[in-house]
N, C-alpha and C. Protein backbone atom coordinates (compact mmCIF):
# COMPACT_ATOMS: atom_id res chain seq x y z
N MET A 1 -114.76 -1.97 48.68
CA MET A 1 -114.43 -0.42 48.03
C MET A 1 -113.27 0.31 48.66
N PRO A 2 -112.49 0.91 48.03
CA PRO A 2 -111.33 1.77 48.40
C PRO A 2 -111.84 2.79 49.25
N LYS A 3 -111.01 3.23 50.25
CA LYS A 3 -111.09 4.46 51.12
C LYS A 3 -110.41 5.52 50.82
N ALA A 4 -110.59 6.62 51.16
CA ALA A 4 -110.02 7.74 50.50
C ALA A 4 -109.80 8.54 51.68
N VAL A 5 -108.50 9.44 52.06
CA VAL A 5 -108.63 10.39 53.03
C VAL A 5 -108.65 11.90 52.30
N ARG A 6 -109.56 12.65 52.92
CA ARG A 6 -110.02 13.95 52.16
C ARG A 6 -109.87 14.97 53.25
N ASP A 7 -109.55 16.13 52.60
CA ASP A 7 -109.64 17.34 53.22
C ASP A 7 -110.09 18.52 52.25
N ASP A 8 -110.89 19.06 52.62
CA ASP A 8 -111.63 20.14 51.73
C ASP A 8 -111.09 21.65 52.12
N GLU A 9 -110.19 21.75 53.16
CA GLU A 9 -109.64 23.10 53.67
C GLU A 9 -108.77 22.86 54.38
N PHE A 10 -107.64 24.13 54.72
CA PHE A 10 -106.66 23.98 55.67
C PHE A 10 -107.31 23.64 56.98
N GLY A 11 -106.24 23.22 57.89
CA GLY A 11 -106.64 22.93 59.16
C GLY A 11 -105.79 21.99 59.88
N SER A 12 -106.16 21.43 61.13
CA SER A 12 -105.58 20.45 61.77
C SER A 12 -105.99 18.95 61.44
N ILE A 13 -105.41 18.17 62.02
CA ILE A 13 -105.97 16.76 61.65
C ILE A 13 -107.53 16.55 61.53
N ASP A 14 -107.98 17.31 62.40
CA ASP A 14 -109.34 17.29 62.51
C ASP A 14 -110.21 17.40 61.02
N VAL A 15 -109.56 18.20 60.16
CA VAL A 15 -110.36 18.37 58.82
C VAL A 15 -110.38 17.14 57.93
N LEU A 16 -109.35 16.07 58.33
CA LEU A 16 -109.36 14.98 57.50
C LEU A 16 -110.52 14.07 57.65
N ARG A 17 -111.05 13.42 56.75
CA ARG A 17 -112.00 12.50 56.60
C ARG A 17 -111.64 11.21 56.05
N VAL A 18 -111.97 9.82 56.38
CA VAL A 18 -111.89 8.98 55.66
C VAL A 18 -113.04 8.64 55.15
N GLU A 19 -113.29 8.22 53.83
CA GLU A 19 -114.64 7.83 53.10
C GLU A 19 -114.26 6.60 52.09
N GLU A 20 -115.28 6.02 51.70
CA GLU A 20 -115.35 5.00 50.84
C GLU A 20 -115.62 5.98 49.68
N VAL A 21 -114.88 5.36 48.49
CA VAL A 21 -114.89 5.87 47.25
C VAL A 21 -115.09 4.86 46.12
N GLU A 22 -115.69 5.26 45.03
CA GLU A 22 -115.58 4.28 43.88
C GLU A 22 -114.03 4.05 43.36
N ARG A 23 -114.05 2.76 43.19
CA ARG A 23 -112.80 2.21 42.46
C ARG A 23 -112.58 2.92 41.22
N PRO A 24 -111.48 3.82 40.95
CA PRO A 24 -111.29 4.38 39.90
C PRO A 24 -110.99 3.28 38.49
N VAL A 25 -111.47 3.59 37.57
CA VAL A 25 -111.13 2.69 36.29
C VAL A 25 -110.15 3.56 35.55
N PRO A 26 -109.13 2.74 35.29
CA PRO A 26 -107.93 3.32 34.29
C PRO A 26 -108.33 3.38 32.88
N SER A 27 -107.81 4.46 32.28
CA SER A 27 -108.14 4.64 30.57
C SER A 27 -107.01 4.04 29.98
N ASP A 28 -107.08 4.03 28.66
CA ASP A 28 -106.06 3.61 27.83
C ASP A 28 -104.80 4.33 28.17
N GLY A 29 -103.96 3.59 28.28
CA GLY A 29 -102.39 4.13 28.56
C GLY A 29 -102.37 4.49 30.08
N GLN A 30 -103.42 4.09 30.85
CA GLN A 30 -103.08 4.65 32.43
C GLN A 30 -102.88 3.17 33.16
N VAL A 31 -102.58 3.37 34.33
CA VAL A 31 -102.55 1.97 35.18
C VAL A 31 -103.09 2.38 36.53
N LEU A 32 -103.65 1.28 37.39
CA LEU A 32 -104.06 1.56 38.85
C LEU A 32 -103.21 0.91 39.72
N VAL A 33 -102.82 1.64 40.29
CA VAL A 33 -101.49 1.10 41.54
C VAL A 33 -102.18 0.90 42.92
N ARG A 34 -102.13 -0.08 43.23
CA ARG A 34 -102.37 -0.35 45.08
C ARG A 34 -101.33 0.26 45.93
N VAL A 35 -101.92 0.96 46.60
CA VAL A 35 -101.12 1.55 47.71
C VAL A 35 -101.39 1.12 49.03
N LYS A 36 -100.40 0.31 49.68
CA LYS A 36 -100.27 0.01 50.95
C LYS A 36 -100.55 0.62 52.07
N ALA A 37 -99.28 1.82 51.75
CA ALA A 37 -99.10 2.86 52.97
C ALA A 37 -98.64 4.13 52.00
N ALA A 38 -99.02 5.18 52.75
CA ALA A 38 -98.71 6.33 52.42
C ALA A 38 -98.13 7.44 53.26
N GLY A 39 -97.58 8.47 53.23
CA GLY A 39 -97.31 9.28 54.25
C GLY A 39 -97.18 10.66 53.66
N ILE A 40 -96.80 11.65 54.74
CA ILE A 40 -96.52 12.98 54.15
C ILE A 40 -95.22 13.50 55.06
N ASN A 41 -94.42 14.56 54.56
CA ASN A 41 -93.41 14.82 55.25
C ASN A 41 -93.87 16.04 56.29
N PHE A 42 -92.84 16.64 57.16
CA PHE A 42 -93.08 17.57 58.08
C PHE A 42 -93.60 18.80 57.37
N SER A 43 -92.94 19.17 56.27
CA SER A 43 -93.08 20.38 55.48
C SER A 43 -94.77 20.34 54.73
N GLU A 44 -95.11 19.14 54.43
CA GLU A 44 -96.50 18.88 53.95
C GLU A 44 -97.36 19.11 55.06
N ALA A 45 -97.10 18.58 56.22
CA ALA A 45 -98.23 18.78 57.23
C ALA A 45 -98.16 20.42 57.60
N VAL A 46 -97.16 20.98 57.67
CA VAL A 46 -97.16 22.38 58.04
C VAL A 46 -97.91 23.30 57.05
N ILE A 47 -97.71 22.99 55.66
CA ILE A 47 -98.43 23.60 54.66
C ILE A 47 -99.98 23.29 54.71
N ARG A 48 -100.33 22.02 55.06
CA ARG A 48 -101.77 21.75 55.24
C ARG A 48 -102.21 22.29 56.46
N THR A 49 -101.85 22.79 57.36
CA THR A 49 -102.46 23.35 58.18
C THR A 49 -102.78 24.81 57.99
N GLY A 50 -102.28 25.65 56.83
CA GLY A 50 -102.70 27.09 56.59
C GLY A 50 -101.38 27.90 56.85
N ALA A 51 -100.39 27.27 57.83
CA ALA A 51 -99.50 28.11 58.34
C ALA A 51 -98.42 29.01 57.24
N LEU A 52 -98.72 28.29 56.14
CA LEU A 52 -97.93 29.10 55.04
C LEU A 52 -98.93 29.29 53.83
N ALA A 53 -99.97 29.52 53.85
CA ALA A 53 -100.87 29.71 53.12
C ALA A 53 -100.29 31.17 52.05
N GLU A 54 -99.75 32.08 52.67
CA GLU A 54 -99.27 33.12 51.58
C GLU A 54 -98.50 32.57 50.69
N LEU A 55 -97.41 31.90 51.08
CA LEU A 55 -96.31 31.30 50.33
C LEU A 55 -96.86 30.25 49.26
N PHE A 56 -97.60 29.14 50.02
CA PHE A 56 -98.09 27.96 49.38
C PHE A 56 -99.65 27.97 49.33
N PRO A 57 -100.33 28.54 48.47
CA PRO A 57 -101.79 28.54 48.55
C PRO A 57 -102.16 27.20 48.27
N SER A 58 -103.27 26.40 48.71
CA SER A 58 -103.75 25.18 48.19
C SER A 58 -103.69 24.78 46.84
N SER A 59 -103.84 25.98 45.88
CA SER A 59 -103.64 25.40 44.68
C SER A 59 -102.21 25.18 44.11
N PHE A 60 -101.12 25.96 44.99
CA PHE A 60 -99.91 25.52 44.58
C PHE A 60 -99.61 23.82 44.61
N ILE A 61 -100.01 23.55 45.82
CA ILE A 61 -99.59 22.05 46.19
C ILE A 61 -100.64 21.15 45.38
N VAL A 62 -101.78 21.04 45.98
CA VAL A 62 -102.76 19.94 45.41
C VAL A 62 -103.89 20.97 45.58
N PRO A 63 -104.70 21.30 44.45
CA PRO A 63 -106.02 21.88 44.50
C PRO A 63 -106.98 21.05 45.47
N TYR A 64 -107.71 22.00 46.31
CA TYR A 64 -108.72 21.56 47.16
C TYR A 64 -110.06 21.30 46.17
N PRO A 65 -110.90 20.44 46.81
CA PRO A 65 -110.84 19.50 47.58
C PRO A 65 -109.62 18.30 47.12
N ARG A 66 -108.93 17.95 48.36
CA ARG A 66 -107.93 16.97 47.98
C ARG A 66 -108.16 15.44 48.38
N ARG A 67 -107.70 14.75 47.54
CA ARG A 67 -108.12 13.32 47.85
C ARG A 67 -106.70 12.50 47.73
N LEU A 68 -106.89 11.50 48.50
CA LEU A 68 -105.83 10.54 48.52
C LEU A 68 -106.59 9.25 48.91
N THR A 69 -106.48 8.51 47.74
CA THR A 69 -107.38 7.13 47.79
C THR A 69 -106.07 6.09 48.21
N VAL A 70 -106.84 5.35 49.42
CA VAL A 70 -105.99 4.37 49.95
C VAL A 70 -106.71 2.88 49.84
């Protein structure tokens, strides 16, 4: 079963959770991509903390709850 890193709110790394999720099934015209590694850049990390919430509300980047399946 794949795992996903989830965060449902702004905050430090303490708000991140690793959970098992159902494997997605692609629809017609879609593909399923296996990701071996993923990362974020510094500005994304600052935005995730909520430090820039007035400039970048969570809906501007990726709506919460946010999911990255790995």
